[in-house]
Amino acid sequence: MQVRILRISIGVALLLAGYMVGTHTPGSIHAQMKVTVPTTYGKVVAGDSASLWFEDTSGTLRQVNIPAGNTIFTITRQR
């Protein structure tokens, strides 16, 4: 009897979890912007939600700030 109740409880929990995950729709809309970074800045070594850090061959670090908010951005290198 206890095994049957346990199986039913697990089934109901999985059914509810599947329903909640399946009906979730993201409500945020992100802007897209283009950022141009010169190749002299070097390679990307770090990044967070507010900036990207580049290091050139001499070891100089440069920071490129990203505007506030959750922004999807594209980086293109100048040639």
C-alpha atoms as a PDB file:
ATOM      1  CA  MET A   1       0.000   0.000   0.000  1.00  0.00           C
ATOM      2  CA  GLN A   2       2.809   2.437   0.899  1.00  0.00           C
ATOM      3  CA  VAL A   3       4.662   1.671  -2.333  1.00  0.00           C
ATOM      4  CA  ARG A   4       1.547   2.397  -4.356  1.00  0.00           C
ATOM      5  CA  ILE A   5       1.000   5.753  -2.609  1.00  0.00           C
ATOM      6  CA  LEU A   6       4.680   6.616  -3.149  1.00  0.00           C
ATOM      7  CA  ARG A   7       4.459   5.801  -6.884  1.00  0.00           C
ATOM      8  CA  ILE A   8       1.298   7.869  -7.291  1.00  0.00           C
ATOM      9  CA  SER A   9       2.865  10.809  -5.398  1.00  0.00           C
ATOM     10  CA  ILE A  10       5.999  10.706  -7.565  1.00  0.00           C
ATOM     11  CA  GLY A  11       3.884  10.502 -10.727  1.00  0.00           C
ATOM     12  CA  VAL A  12       1.775  13.501  -9.710  1.00  0.00           C
ATOM     13  CA  ALA A  13       4.907  15.496  -8.788  1.00  0.00           C
ATOM     14  CA  LEU A  14       6.506  14.712 -12.166  1.00  0.00           C
ATOM     15  CA  LEU A  15       3.303  15.597 -13.990  1.00  0.00           C
ATOM     16  CA  LEU A  16       3.074  18.968 -12.215  1.00  0.00           C
ATOM     17  CA  ALA A  17       6.767  19.712 -12.798  1.00  0.00           C
ATOM     18  CA  GLY A  18       6.417  18.898 -16.507  1.00  0.00           C
ATOM     19  CA  TYR A  19       3.365  21.126 -16.789  1.00  0.00           C
ATOM     20  CA  MET A  20       5.116  24.034 -15.054  1.00  0.00           C
ATOM     21  CA  VAL A  21       8.245  23.747 -17.203  1.00  0.00           C
ATOM     22  CA  GLY A  22       6.283  23.268 -20.429  1.00  0.00           C
ATOM     23  CA  THR A  23       4.059  26.297 -19.948  1.00  0.00           C
ATOM     24  CA  HIS A  24       6.824  28.714 -18.907  1.00  0.00           C
ATOM     25  CA  THR A  25       7.492  31.462 -21.427  1.00  0.00           C
ATOM     26  CA  PRO A  26      10.227  34.055 -20.955  1.00  0.00           C
ATOM     27  CA  GLY A  27       8.882  37.551 -20.494  1.00  0.00           C
ATOM     28  CA  SER A  28      11.985  39.625 -21.124  1.00  0.00           C
ATOM     29  CA  ILE A  29      12.925  41.284 -24.387  1.00  0.00           C
ATOM     30  CA  HIS A  30      16.567  42.123 -25.054  1.00  0.00           C
ATOM     31  CA  ALA A  31      17.947  44.869 -27.245  1.00  0.00           C
ATOM     32  CA  GLN A  32      20.746  44.049 -29.634  1.00  0.00           C
ATOM     33  CA  MET A  33      23.689  46.336 -30.258  1.00  0.00           C
ATOM     34  CA  LYS A  34      26.961  46.105 -32.136  1.00  0.00           C
ATOM     35  CA  VAL A  35      30.296  46.812 -30.495  1.00  0.00           C
ATOM     36  CA  THR A  36      33.395  47.325 -32.628  1.00  0.00           C
ATOM     37  CA  VAL A  37      36.705  46.434 -30.978  1.00  0.00           C
ATOM     38  CA  PRO A  38      40.071  47.063 -32.682  1.00  0.00           C
ATOM     39  CA  THR A  39      42.337  44.044 -33.176  1.00  0.00           C
ATOM     40  CA  THR A  40      45.079  45.907 -31.292  1.00  0.00           C
ATOM     41  CA  TYR A  41      43.095  45.312 -28.094  1.00  0.00           C
ATOM     42  CA  GLY A  42      44.167  41.664 -28.300  1.00  0.00           C
ATOM     43  CA  LYS A  43      42.253  38.636 -27.118  1.00  0.00           C
ATOM     44  CA  VAL A  44      39.281  38.494 -24.742  1.00  0.00           C
ATOM     45  CA  VAL A  45      40.488  37.338 -21.338  1.00  0.00           C
ATOM     46  CA  ALA A  46      37.489  38.042 -19.101  1.00  0.00           C
ATOM     47  CA  GLY A  47      33.949  39.290 -19.134  1.00  0.00           C
ATOM     48  CA  ASP A  48      30.940  39.819 -16.947  1.00  0.00           C
ATOM     49  CA  SER A  49      27.518  41.403 -17.280  1.00  0.00           C
ATOM     50  CA  ALA A  50      28.968  44.928 -17.357  1.00  0.00           C
ATOM     51  CA  SER A  51      32.229  44.740 -19.348  1.00  0.00           C
ATOM     52  CA  LEU A  52      34.684  42.754 -21.444  1.00  0.00           C
ATOM     53  CA  TRP A  53      38.430  42.692 -20.795  1.00  0.00           C
ATOM     54  CA  PHE A  54      41.023  42.399 -23.562  1.00  0.00           C
ATOM     55  CA  GLU A  55      44.779  41.761 -23.266  1.00  0.00           C
ATOM     56  CA  ASP A  56      47.234  42.738 -25.994  1.00  0.00           C
ATOM     57  CA  THR A  57      50.648  41.181 -26.670  1.00  0.00           C
ATOM     58  CA  SER A  58      52.435  43.557 -24.270  1.00  0.00           C
ATOM     59  CA  GLY A  59      50.131  42.566 -21.409  1.00  0.00           C
ATOM     60  CA  THR A  60      48.050  45.753 -21.361  1.00  0.00           C
ATOM     61  CA  LEU A  61      44.470  45.165 -20.226  1.00  0.00           C
ATOM     62  CA  ARG A  62      41.648  47.159 -21.763  1.00  0.00           C
ATOM     63  CA  GLN A  63      38.052  47.285 -20.591  1.00  0.00           C
ATOM     64  CA  VAL A  64      35.071  47.708 -22.926  1.00  0.00           C
ATOM     65  CA  ASN A  65      31.949  48.676 -20.984  1.00  0.00           C
ATOM     66  CA  ILE A  66      28.563  47.282 -21.934  1.00  0.00           C
ATOM     67  CA  PRO A  67      25.506  49.508 -21.373  1.00  0.00           C
ATOM     68  CA  ALA A  68      23.369  48.748 -18.316  1.00  0.00           C
ATOM     69  CA  GLY A  69      20.816  45.978 -18.520  1.00  0.00           C
ATOM     70  CA  ASN A  70      20.799  42.577 -20.136  1.00  0.00           C
ATOM     71  CA  THR A  71      22.074  43.325 -23.619  1.00  0.00           C
ATOM     72  CA  ILE A  72      22.781  40.803 -26.343  1.00  0.00           C
ATOM     73  CA  PHE A  73      25.736  42.163 -28.275  1.00  0.00           C
ATOM     74  CA  THR A  74      27.825  41.260 -31.301  1.00  0.00           C
ATOM     75  CA  ILE A  75      31.535  42.049 -31.520  1.00  0.00           C
ATOM     76  CA  THR A  76      33.150  42.718 -34.901  1.00  0.00           C
ATOM     77  CA  ARG A  77      36.879  43.200 -35.305  1.00  0.00           C
ATOM     78  CA  GLN A  78      38.278  46.098 -37.290  1.00  0.00           C
ATOM     79  CA  ARG A  79      40.724  44.950 -39.954  1.00  0.00           C
END
